[in-house]
Amino acid sequence: MASWDPQQYERFAEERARPFRELVARIPTTSAVAVVDLGCGPGTMTATLAERWPDAAVLGLDSSPAMIEAAARLATPQLRFQLADAGAWRPQRGSVDVIVANASLQWVPDHETLLPHWAAALDDGGTLAFQVPVSTSDRSRPPADGVSTPRPVSAEVFAEVAASGPWAATLAGATDATGPRSASPVLPAAEYVRLLSAAGLTVDAWETTYYHVLPGDDPVYEWFKGTGLRPYLDALAGADLEAFTTQMRQYLRRRYPREPFGTVLPFPRLFVVAHRA
């Protein structure tokens, strides 16, 4: 399991918050008594769910003790946080009104089994909403509708650097931002539409590429240091970690060159909002 640093993650808080806000804005559920945020991180955005549904009990789940510790400062009688693995969460049928998973399902395997179970947990009028970053590995099999998706070069850089040095054997099983390089759990958009439609939900799915303009030195490295690079960095130590970090910074600078106004990071994401009438 990757270690997580809430302070590092929140260095780009506004950029990370925007997809969450745009996802939640498309949720049609107007009233709720039970709302769950899977992969709540430091809890900052989970707290906004309590504002959106003021009559609901809001629960944030995350598998990182550091994230849950950071989120605990926001807890209220309405808003709770709990250490838990989203992949092991099994709510009762019809027990939840809103399930949100923002940039977390790329770390959770077996979506084909998991999502129908969560769909069954929705009460009438309930909604399952999630977004995931889209990477090269997500196109390891062509989508049934033949539609391609923009691919960030970050995953290619991670794989290239991981295989290029004395650390290659150590990093052979490491994961990038979308799960194991050889077997990402993220499905093509059309498969989510089919899967959740078969579960009795009305599905709204779309893809967006954000072009974040990041300030400072090595901002792309700093961005992924808080997310997709965590498994690589956790697996190394000492001289290997230092050399890997130096090479990763160099590669990312070349692939994402700094310009007078900042560094542009294209970041494609897939959004799915599935509603039970």
Protein backbone atom coordinates (compact mmCIF):
# COMPACT_ATOMS: atom_id res chain seq x y z
CA MET A 1 0.00 0.00 0.00
CA ALA A 2 1.33 3.44 -0.91
CA SER A 3 2.00 5.93 1.85
CA TRP A 4 0.24 9.27 1.56
CA ASP A 5 1.28 12.74 2.70
CA PRO A 6 -1.75 15.02 3.16
CA GLN A 7 0.38 18.18 2.99
CA GLN A 8 2.01 17.10 -0.28
CA TYR A 9 -1.38 16.11 -1.71
CA GLU A 10 -2.86 19.51 -0.85
CA ARG A 11 -0.05 21.49 -2.52
CA PHE A 12 -2.31 21.65 -5.58
CA ALA A 13 -5.57 21.72 -3.64
CA GLU A 14 -7.47 23.95 -6.06
CA GLU A 15 -6.56 21.88 -9.13
CA ARG A 16 -7.52 18.66 -7.34
CA ALA A 17 -10.77 20.15 -6.03
CA ARG A 18 -12.09 21.24 -9.42
CA PRO A 19 -12.93 17.74 -10.76
CA PHE A 20 -14.62 16.92 -7.43
CA ARG A 21 -16.82 20.00 -7.65
CA GLU A 22 -17.72 19.36 -11.27
CA LEU A 23 -18.55 15.73 -10.51
CA VAL A 24 -20.78 16.55 -7.53
CA ALA A 25 -22.51 19.35 -9.45
CA ARG A 26 -23.91 16.75 -11.88
CA ILE A 27 -25.43 14.57 -9.15
CA PRO A 28 -29.24 14.83 -9.48
CA THR A 29 -30.10 13.56 -5.98
CA THR A 30 -31.80 16.46 -4.19
CA SER A 31 -32.27 15.04 -0.69
CA ALA A 32 -30.24 12.44 1.17
CA VAL A 33 -29.90 10.87 4.59
CA ALA A 34 -26.75 8.80 3.92
CA VAL A 35 -23.77 10.04 1.86
CA VAL A 36 -20.43 8.23 1.54
CA ASP A 37 -17.15 9.55 0.10
CA LEU A 38 -14.82 6.68 -0.86
CA GLY A 39 -11.19 7.77 -0.81
CA CYS A 40 -11.91 10.95 1.12
CA GLY A 41 -8.25 11.96 1.49
CA PRO A 42 -7.75 14.85 3.93
CA GLY A 43 -11.51 15.43 4.06
CA THR A 44 -11.56 18.97 2.70
CA MET A 45 -13.91 18.18 -0.17
CA THR A 46 -15.90 15.62 1.83
CA ALA A 47 -16.94 18.48 4.11
CA THR A 48 -18.63 20.17 1.14
CA LEU A 49 -20.93 17.16 0.81
CA ALA A 50 -22.32 17.98 4.25
CA GLU A 51 -23.14 21.45 2.93
CA ARG A 52 -24.77 20.07 -0.23
CA TRP A 53 -26.94 17.63 1.77
CA PRO A 54 -27.37 19.23 5.21
CA ASP A 55 -29.82 16.57 6.43
CA ALA A 56 -27.52 13.65 5.60
CA ALA A 57 -25.04 11.72 7.68
CA VAL A 58 -21.80 11.99 5.69
CA LEU A 59 -19.10 9.33 6.03
CA GLY A 60 -15.61 9.64 4.56
CA LEU A 61 -13.59 6.45 4.09
CA ASP A 62 -9.89 6.20 3.25
CA SER A 63 -7.27 3.45 3.50
CA SER A 64 -4.51 5.89 4.55
CA PRO A 65 -4.09 6.44 8.29
CA ALA A 66 -2.34 9.77 7.57
CA MET A 67 -5.25 11.00 5.47
CA ILE A 68 -7.84 9.96 8.06
CA GLU A 69 -5.82 11.64 10.80
CA ALA A 70 -5.78 14.85 8.76
CA ALA A 71 -9.51 14.58 8.01
CA ALA A 72 -10.43 14.02 11.65
CA ARG A 73 -9.97 17.73 12.36
CA LEU A 74 -13.07 18.41 10.22
CA ALA A 75 -15.33 15.87 11.94
CA THR A 76 -18.71 17.03 13.26
CA PRO A 77 -21.82 15.24 14.52
CA GLN A 78 -22.92 15.15 10.87
CA LEU A 79 -19.52 14.36 9.30
CA ARG A 80 -17.48 11.28 10.25
CA PHE A 81 -14.27 9.76 8.92
CA GLN A 82 -13.19 6.13 9.11
CA LEU A 83 -10.14 4.11 8.12
CA ALA A 84 -11.32 1.55 5.56
CA ASP A 85 -10.51 0.06 2.16
CA ALA A 86 -13.03 1.12 -0.48
CA GLY A 87 -12.62 -2.20 -2.25
CA ALA A 88 -13.83 -4.02 0.85
CA TRP A 89 -16.79 -1.71 1.54
CA ARG A 90 -20.06 -3.66 1.24
CA PRO A 91 -23.12 -1.57 2.15
CA GLN A 92 -26.55 -3.11 2.51
CA ARG A 93 -29.00 -2.96 -0.37
CA GLY A 94 -30.85 0.33 -0.55
CA SER A 95 -28.94 1.83 2.38
CA VAL A 96 -27.16 4.81 0.73
CA ASP A 97 -28.38 7.87 -1.14
CA VAL A 98 -25.11 9.18 -2.59
CA ILE A 99 -21.80 7.41 -3.17
CA VAL A 100 -18.88 9.56 -4.34
CA ALA A 101 -15.46 8.23 -5.36
CA ASN A 102 -13.23 11.05 -6.56
CA ALA A 103 -9.85 10.00 -8.01
CA SER A 104 -9.77 6.83 -5.90
CA LEU A 105 -11.11 3.94 -7.97
CA GLN A 106 -7.91 3.77 -10.03
CA TRP A 107 -6.41 2.14 -6.92
CA VAL A 108 -9.28 -0.36 -6.48
CA PRO A 109 -9.45 -3.58 -8.56
CA ASP A 110 -12.37 -5.49 -10.08
CA HIS A 111 -14.76 -2.70 -11.03
CA GLU A 112 -16.95 -5.19 -12.88
CA THR A 113 -17.90 -6.83 -9.57
CA LEU A 114 -17.69 -3.85 -7.25
CA LEU A 115 -19.79 -1.26 -9.07
CA PRO A 116 -22.95 -3.39 -9.44
CA HIS A 117 -22.77 -4.07 -5.70
CA TRP A 118 -22.58 -0.35 -4.97
CA ALA A 119 -25.39 0.30 -7.46
CA ALA A 120 -27.58 -2.13 -5.52
CA ALA A 121 -26.80 -0.19 -2.32
CA LEU A 122 -28.46 2.95 -3.70
CA ASP A 123 -31.90 3.84 -2.41
CA ASP A 124 -34.53 5.15 -4.83
CA GLY A 125 -33.33 8.49 -6.15
CA GLY A 126 -29.75 7.68 -5.20
CA THR A 127 -26.60 8.31 -7.22
CA LEU A 128 -23.17 6.73 -7.67
CA ALA A 129 -20.66 9.31 -8.94
CA PHE A 130 -16.97 8.80 -9.61
CA GLN A 131 -14.08 10.15 -11.63
CA VAL A 132 -10.73 8.58 -12.43
CA PRO A 133 -7.60 9.79 -14.20
CA VAL A 134 -7.23 8.18 -17.60
CA SER A 135 -3.84 6.76 -18.57
CA THR A 136 -2.21 4.77 -21.35
CA SER A 137 -2.77 1.53 -19.47
CA ASP A 138 -6.52 2.10 -19.55
CA ARG A 139 -6.40 1.46 -23.27
CA SER A 140 -4.64 -1.91 -23.03
CA ARG A 141 -7.74 -3.29 -24.73
CA PRO A 142 -9.58 -1.20 -27.34
CA PRO A 143 -12.92 0.25 -26.20
CA ALA A 144 -15.97 -1.42 -27.70
CA ASP A 145 -17.14 1.86 -29.22
CA GLY A 146 -13.76 2.50 -30.87
CA VAL A 147 -13.43 5.94 -29.26
CA SER A 148 -9.96 6.81 -28.02
CA THR A 149 -9.10 9.00 -25.03
CA PRO A 150 -6.32 11.58 -24.53
CA ARG A 151 -3.37 9.94 -22.78
CA PRO A 152 -1.10 11.69 -20.31
CA VAL A 153 2.57 11.12 -20.96
CA SER A 154 3.22 10.88 -17.21
CA ALA A 155 2.49 7.15 -17.06
CA GLU A 156 4.88 6.58 -19.96
CA VAL A 157 7.59 8.54 -18.13
CA PHE A 158 7.02 6.56 -14.92
CA ALA A 159 7.36 3.28 -16.78
CA GLU A 160 10.43 4.40 -18.73
CA VAL A 161 12.34 5.64 -15.68
CA ALA A 162 11.29 2.65 -13.56
CA ALA A 163 12.75 0.26 -16.14
CA SER A 164 15.90 2.26 -16.91
CA GLY A 165 18.09 1.95 -13.83
CA PRO A 166 19.44 -0.42 -11.17
CA TRP A 167 16.08 -0.11 -9.42
CA ALA A 168 14.21 -1.85 -12.26
CA ALA A 169 13.82 -5.19 -10.45
CA THR A 170 12.61 -3.48 -7.27
CA LEU A 171 10.05 -1.45 -9.18
CA ALA A 172 8.82 -4.27 -11.41
CA GLY A 173 5.64 -4.58 -9.37
CA ALA A 174 5.17 -0.91 -8.58
CA THR A 175 2.00 0.87 -9.61
CA ASP A 176 1.40 4.18 -11.24
CA ALA A 177 -1.52 6.57 -10.88
CA THR A 178 -3.93 4.13 -12.48
CA GLY A 179 -2.92 0.89 -10.79
CA PRO A 180 -0.54 -1.86 -11.96
CA ARG A 181 1.06 -0.85 -15.24
CA SER A 182 0.16 -4.17 -16.83
CA ALA A 183 -3.42 -4.34 -15.58
CA SER A 184 -5.14 -1.06 -14.78
CA PRO A 185 -8.57 -1.57 -13.22
CA VAL A 186 -9.95 1.46 -15.06
CA LEU A 187 -12.38 0.51 -17.84
CA PRO A 188 -13.23 2.38 -21.05
CA ALA A 189 -16.11 4.80 -20.61
CA ALA A 190 -18.54 2.77 -22.70
CA GLU A 191 -18.01 -0.26 -20.44
CA TYR A 192 -19.04 1.74 -17.38
CA VAL A 193 -22.16 2.87 -19.22
CA ARG A 194 -23.08 -0.73 -20.08
CA LEU A 195 -22.19 -2.07 -16.63
CA LEU A 196 -24.22 0.44 -14.65
CA SER A 197 -27.11 0.52 -17.10
CA ALA A 198 -27.41 -3.24 -16.63
CA ALA A 199 -27.59 -2.53 -12.88
CA GLY A 200 -30.72 -0.44 -13.44
CA LEU A 201 -29.15 3.03 -13.37
CA THR A 202 -29.33 5.94 -15.79
CA VAL A 203 -25.74 6.79 -16.69
CA ASP A 204 -24.16 10.12 -17.58
CA ALA A 205 -20.51 9.68 -18.59
CA TRP A 206 -18.03 12.12 -20.07
CA GLU A 207 -14.32 12.78 -20.41
CA THR A 208 -12.47 16.04 -19.79
CA THR A 209 -8.85 16.99 -20.23
CA TYR A 210 -7.70 19.67 -17.82
CA TYR A 211 -4.72 21.80 -18.79
CA HIS A 212 -3.36 22.77 -15.40
CA VAL A 213 -0.83 25.61 -15.37
CA LEU A 214 1.50 24.80 -12.47
CA PRO A 215 3.94 27.27 -10.87
CA GLY A 216 7.43 26.76 -9.50
CA ASP A 217 10.33 24.41 -10.14
CA ASP A 218 9.61 20.78 -11.08
CA PRO A 219 5.85 21.24 -10.49
CA VAL A 220 4.88 18.09 -12.40
CA TYR A 221 7.16 16.01 -10.22
CA GLU A 222 5.68 17.68 -7.13
CA TRP A 223 2.16 16.96 -8.42
CA PHE A 224 2.77 13.25 -8.89
CA LYS A 225 4.91 12.99 -5.76
CA GLY A 226 1.61 13.34 -3.91
CA THR A 227 -0.24 10.73 -6.01
CA GLY A 228 0.98 8.44 -8.77
CA LEU A 229 4.66 8.34 -7.83
CA ARG A 230 3.99 7.25 -4.24
CA PRO A 231 4.38 3.48 -4.88
CA TYR A 232 7.68 4.04 -6.68
CA LEU A 233 9.10 6.34 -4.03
CA ASP A 234 7.95 4.06 -1.21
CA ALA A 235 9.72 1.08 -2.79
CA LEU A 236 13.15 2.74 -2.91
CA ALA A 237 15.62 4.06 -0.34
CA GLY A 238 19.11 5.53 -0.07
CA ALA A 239 21.16 6.03 -3.23
CA ASP A 240 18.58 4.34 -5.46
CA LEU A 241 15.84 6.69 -4.26
CA GLU A 242 18.05 9.75 -4.78
CA ALA A 243 19.11 8.66 -8.29
CA PHE A 244 15.58 7.69 -9.26
CA THR A 245 14.24 11.04 -8.08
CA THR A 246 16.91 12.95 -10.00
CA GLN A 247 16.22 11.04 -13.21
CA MET A 248 12.45 11.34 -12.81
CA ARG A 249 12.72 15.11 -12.40
CA GLN A 250 14.86 15.36 -15.54
CA TYR A 251 12.50 13.25 -17.63
CA LEU A 252 9.42 15.16 -16.47
CA ARG A 253 11.10 18.51 -17.20
CA ARG A 254 11.72 17.38 -20.78
CA ARG A 255 8.20 16.06 -21.30
CA TYR A 256 6.53 19.01 -19.56
CA PRO A 257 8.82 22.00 -20.32
CA ARG A 258 8.55 25.11 -18.20
CA GLU A 259 7.27 28.22 -19.98
CA PRO A 260 7.30 31.90 -18.91
CA PHE A 261 3.79 31.59 -17.45
CA GLY A 262 4.28 28.18 -15.80
CA THR A 263 4.26 24.48 -16.72
CA VAL A 264 1.27 23.01 -18.55
CA LEU A 265 0.09 19.62 -17.27
CA PRO A 266 -2.60 18.04 -19.50
CA PHE A 267 -4.63 15.71 -17.29
CA PRO A 268 -7.50 13.66 -18.80
CA ARG A 269 -10.21 12.36 -16.49
CA LEU A 270 -13.25 10.15 -16.92
CA PHE A 271 -16.48 11.07 -15.08
CA VAL A 272 -19.46 8.80 -14.43
CA VAL A 273 -22.71 9.76 -12.70
CA ALA A 274 -25.19 6.88 -12.41
CA HIS A 275 -28.66 7.58 -10.97
CA ARG A 276 -31.46 5.34 -9.71
CA ALA A 277 -34.83 6.85 -10.60
